Amino acid sequence: MDSPRNTAINMARPVQLDQYDSVRDHVWLRLNDEVVRLERRLETLRDTQAPHASIIIATYERMIDRKKGFMKRWGMGSGQG
């Protein structure tokens, strides 16, 4: 009995593992979505007065930098996807 996980994601972004470009596009889309979510969280955190907000902000900024660095090293420009 087949029951694929995350059916909505699989339908929206079919990945053909035997095709390099398909996998590359899928990875770019995933990373780009993660960066966008982290940037939104940063905006929210900057407006709060939480006691540890600065630590969380620094961590999110590092995560964003690493994800963007990975994308740049692998030639995944902002226009891809």
C-alpha atoms as a PDB file:
ATOM      1  CA  MET A   1       0.000   0.000   0.000  1.00  0.00           C
ATOM      2  CA  ASP A   2       1.638   3.245  -1.154  1.00  0.00           C
ATOM      3  CA  SER A   3       1.082   6.343   0.946  1.00  0.00           C
ATOM      4  CA  PRO A   4       3.555   9.098  -0.021  1.00  0.00           C
ATOM      5  CA  ARG A   5       4.493  11.568   2.661  1.00  0.00           C
ATOM      6  CA  ASN A   6       3.873  15.273   2.122  1.00  0.00           C
ATOM      7  CA  THR A   7       1.579  14.695  -0.832  1.00  0.00           C
ATOM      8  CA  ALA A   8       0.978  18.425  -1.311  1.00  0.00           C
ATOM      9  CA  ILE A   9       4.712  19.096  -1.578  1.00  0.00           C
ATOM     10  CA  ASN A  10       5.248  16.168  -3.924  1.00  0.00           C
ATOM     11  CA  MET A  11       2.436  17.381  -6.177  1.00  0.00           C
ATOM     12  CA  ALA A  12       3.664  20.965  -6.223  1.00  0.00           C
ATOM     13  CA  ARG A  13       7.318  20.099  -6.827  1.00  0.00           C
ATOM     14  CA  PRO A  14       7.833  16.794  -8.561  1.00  0.00           C
ATOM     15  CA  VAL A  15      11.481  15.765  -8.332  1.00  0.00           C
ATOM     16  CA  GLN A  16      12.967  13.454 -10.909  1.00  0.00           C
ATOM     17  CA  LEU A  17      16.043  12.076  -9.206  1.00  0.00           C
ATOM     18  CA  ASP A  18      17.549  10.875 -12.464  1.00  0.00           C
ATOM     19  CA  GLN A  19      17.660  14.426 -13.796  1.00  0.00           C
ATOM     20  CA  TYR A  20      20.300  16.751 -12.379  1.00  0.00           C
ATOM     21  CA  ASP A  21      18.430  19.959 -13.200  1.00  0.00           C
ATOM     22  CA  SER A  22      15.243  18.735 -11.536  1.00  0.00           C
ATOM     23  CA  VAL A  23      17.063  17.936  -8.294  1.00  0.00           C
ATOM     24  CA  ARG A  24      19.022  21.191  -8.458  1.00  0.00           C
ATOM     25  CA  ASP A  25      15.826  23.208  -8.949  1.00  0.00           C
ATOM     26  CA  HIS A  26      14.161  21.378  -6.066  1.00  0.00           C
ATOM     27  CA  VAL A  27      17.111  22.097  -3.739  1.00  0.00           C
ATOM     28  CA  TRP A  28      17.136  25.740  -4.808  1.00  0.00           C
ATOM     29  CA  LEU A  29      13.393  26.080  -4.149  1.00  0.00           C
ATOM     30  CA  ARG A  30      13.736  24.462  -0.715  1.00  0.00           C
ATOM     31  CA  LEU A  31      16.680  26.635   0.307  1.00  0.00           C
ATOM     32  CA  ASN A  32      15.065  29.771  -1.040  1.00  0.00           C
ATOM     33  CA  ASP A  33      11.858  29.054   0.911  1.00  0.00           C
ATOM     34  CA  GLU A  34      13.882  28.472   4.087  1.00  0.00           C
ATOM     35  CA  VAL A  35      15.768  31.759   3.644  1.00  0.00           C
ATOM     36  CA  VAL A  36      12.526  33.670   3.105  1.00  0.00           C
ATOM     37  CA  ARG A  37      11.003  32.157   6.268  1.00  0.00           C
ATOM     38  CA  LEU A  38      14.100  32.965   8.325  1.00  0.00           C
ATOM     39  CA  GLU A  39      14.145  36.548   7.029  1.00  0.00           C
ATOM     40  CA  ARG A  40      10.489  36.965   8.074  1.00  0.00           C
ATOM     41  CA  ARG A  41      11.314  35.637  11.533  1.00  0.00           C
ATOM     42  CA  LEU A  42      14.182  38.112  11.761  1.00  0.00           C
ATOM     43  CA  GLU A  43      11.854  41.004  11.001  1.00  0.00           C
ATOM     44  CA  THR A  44       9.511  39.854  13.753  1.00  0.00           C
ATOM     45  CA  LEU A  45      12.316  39.342  16.264  1.00  0.00           C
ATOM     46  CA  ARG A  46      13.787  42.778  15.621  1.00  0.00           C
ATOM     47  CA  ASP A  47      10.467  44.304  16.701  1.00  0.00           C
ATOM     48  CA  THR A  48      10.308  42.373  19.984  1.00  0.00           C
ATOM     49  CA  GLN A  49      11.933  43.069  23.322  1.00  0.00           C
ATOM     50  CA  ALA A  50      12.539  39.415  24.212  1.00  0.00           C
ATOM     51  CA  PRO A  51      15.513  38.886  26.536  1.00  0.00           C
ATOM     52  CA  HIS A  52      17.362  36.515  24.179  1.00  0.00           C
ATOM     53  CA  ALA A  53      16.268  38.044  20.875  1.00  0.00           C
ATOM     54  CA  SER A  54      19.783  39.191  19.974  1.00  0.00           C
ATOM     55  CA  ILE A  55      21.149  35.638  20.286  1.00  0.00           C
ATOM     56  CA  ILE A  56      18.363  34.232  18.132  1.00  0.00           C
ATOM     57  CA  ILE A  57      18.805  37.019  15.565  1.00  0.00           C
ATOM     58  CA  ALA A  58      22.540  36.297  15.309  1.00  0.00           C
ATOM     59  CA  THR A  59      21.837  32.590  14.881  1.00  0.00           C
ATOM     60  CA  TYR A  60      19.252  33.172  12.152  1.00  0.00           C
ATOM     61  CA  GLU A  61      21.616  35.562  10.360  1.00  0.00           C
ATOM     62  CA  ARG A  62      24.339  32.885  10.376  1.00  0.00           C
ATOM     63  CA  MET A  63      21.882  30.308   9.056  1.00  0.00           C
ATOM     64  CA  ILE A  64      20.828  32.651   6.256  1.00  0.00           C
ATOM     65  CA  ASP A  65      24.450  33.431   5.378  1.00  0.00           C
ATOM     66  CA  ARG A  66      25.325  29.743   5.235  1.00  0.00           C
ATOM     67  CA  LYS A  67      22.339  28.860   3.080  1.00  0.00           C
ATOM     68  CA  LYS A  68      23.044  31.753   0.703  1.00  0.00           C
ATOM     69  CA  GLY A  69      26.741  30.824   0.648  1.00  0.00           C
ATOM     70  CA  PHE A  70      25.884  27.246  -0.276  1.00  0.00           C
ATOM     71  CA  MET A  71      23.585  28.445  -3.039  1.00  0.00           C
ATOM     72  CA  LYS A  72      26.255  30.794  -4.374  1.00  0.00           C
ATOM     73  CA  ARG A  73      28.994  28.132  -4.324  1.00  0.00           C
ATOM     74  CA  TRP A  74      26.779  25.751  -6.262  1.00  0.00           C
ATOM     75  CA  GLY A  75      25.761  28.392  -8.805  1.00  0.00           C
ATOM     76  CA  MET A  76      22.184  28.645  -7.619  1.00  0.00           C
ATOM     77  CA  GLY A  77      21.540  32.312  -8.371  1.00  0.00           C
ATOM     78  CA  SER A  78      18.518  34.254  -7.193  1.00  0.00           C
ATOM     79  CA  GLY A  79      16.842  33.968 -10.603  1.00  0.00           C
ATOM     80  CA  GLN A  80      16.714  30.189 -10.561  1.00  0.00           C
ATOM     81  CA  GLY A  81      13.606  28.166  -9.828  1.00  0.00           C
END
